[in-house]
């Protein structure tokens, strides 16, 4: 996935910064239940990237001591 700010692929740090910025800007966040592990909850953002006319699908899981990335890819959803 290309970073709309630079036109280059996201770095790990850049991806997390982008996720945080989108959340802070009020992008819609949906909760969903995971199949693995059963019953765990994840949060999804579907972000339209105007620069390259793509939609970015981001899914994160909140654990007791950290946030882990589950998905970060182009989406047709």
Protein backbone atom coordinates (compact mmCIF):
# COMPACT_ATOMS: atom_id res chain seq x y z
CA UNK A 1 0.00 0.00 0.00
CA UNK A 2 1.36 3.41 -0.91
CA UNK A 3 1.46 6.21 1.62
CA UNK A 4 -0.66 9.04 0.14
CA UNK A 5 1.71 11.60 1.66
CA UNK A 6 4.90 10.29 0.05
CA UNK A 7 3.82 8.05 -2.82
CA UNK A 8 6.13 5.34 -1.43
CA UNK A 9 5.14 2.15 0.43
CA UNK A 10 4.21 2.65 4.07
CA UNK A 11 6.93 2.01 6.62
CA UNK A 12 5.89 0.24 9.83
CA UNK A 13 6.09 3.50 11.79
CA UNK A 14 4.37 5.41 8.99
CA UNK A 15 1.48 2.94 8.92
CA UNK A 16 0.89 3.28 12.67
CA UNK A 17 1.10 7.07 12.44
CA UNK A 18 -1.41 7.04 9.59
CA UNK A 19 -3.81 4.80 11.58
CA UNK A 20 -3.56 7.08 14.62
CA UNK A 21 -4.08 10.22 12.56
CA UNK A 22 -7.15 8.78 10.83
CA UNK A 23 -8.65 7.74 14.18
CA UNK A 24 -7.95 11.19 15.66
CA UNK A 25 -9.58 12.84 12.63
CA UNK A 26 -12.77 10.91 13.30
CA UNK A 27 -12.75 8.20 10.64
CA UNK A 28 -15.50 5.71 11.32
CA UNK A 29 -14.37 2.76 13.45
CA UNK A 30 -16.47 -0.40 13.52
CA UNK A 31 -16.23 -3.14 16.17
CA UNK A 32 -16.41 -6.78 15.16
CA UNK A 33 -15.95 -10.19 16.76
CA UNK A 34 -12.99 -12.26 15.63
CA UNK A 35 -13.15 -15.95 14.74
CA UNK A 36 -9.56 -16.41 15.95
CA UNK A 37 -9.33 -16.14 18.84
CA UNK A 38 -13.04 -16.81 19.29
CA UNK A 39 -14.92 -13.98 20.95
CA UNK A 40 -12.07 -11.47 20.76
CA UNK A 41 -12.99 -8.01 19.54
CA UNK A 42 -11.29 -6.07 16.76
CA UNK A 43 -11.81 -2.62 15.31
CA UNK A 44 -11.94 -1.78 11.60
CA UNK A 45 -11.46 1.41 9.60
CA UNK A 46 -12.12 1.61 5.86
CA UNK A 47 -10.24 4.68 4.66
CA UNK A 48 -10.71 6.18 1.19
CA UNK A 49 -7.36 7.41 -0.13
CA UNK A 50 -8.12 10.20 -2.59
CA UNK A 51 -4.55 10.44 -3.90
CA UNK A 52 -4.48 6.95 -5.41
CA UNK A 53 -8.23 6.25 -5.51
CA UNK A 54 -7.95 3.22 -3.29
CA UNK A 55 -9.62 2.12 -0.09
CA UNK A 56 -7.42 1.04 2.79
CA UNK A 57 -8.76 -1.65 5.13
CA UNK A 58 -7.29 -1.47 8.64
CA UNK A 59 -8.11 -3.93 11.44
CA UNK A 60 -6.56 -3.73 14.91
CA UNK A 61 -7.03 -5.72 18.08
CA UNK A 62 -6.76 -4.15 21.53
CA UNK A 63 -5.01 -6.37 24.06
CA UNK A 64 -4.53 -5.62 27.74
CA UNK A 65 -1.09 -4.09 27.21
CA UNK A 66 -0.87 -3.20 23.50
CA UNK A 67 -2.60 -2.78 20.15
CA UNK A 68 -1.77 -5.24 17.40
CA UNK A 69 -2.36 -4.80 13.70
CA UNK A 70 -4.43 -7.57 12.14
CA UNK A 71 -4.94 -6.17 8.61
CA UNK A 72 -3.57 -3.29 6.56
CA UNK A 73 -4.30 -3.64 2.86
CA UNK A 74 -6.18 -2.38 -0.16
CA UNK A 75 -9.85 -3.27 -0.09
CA UNK A 76 -12.83 -3.46 -2.41
CA UNK A 77 -15.31 -3.39 0.52
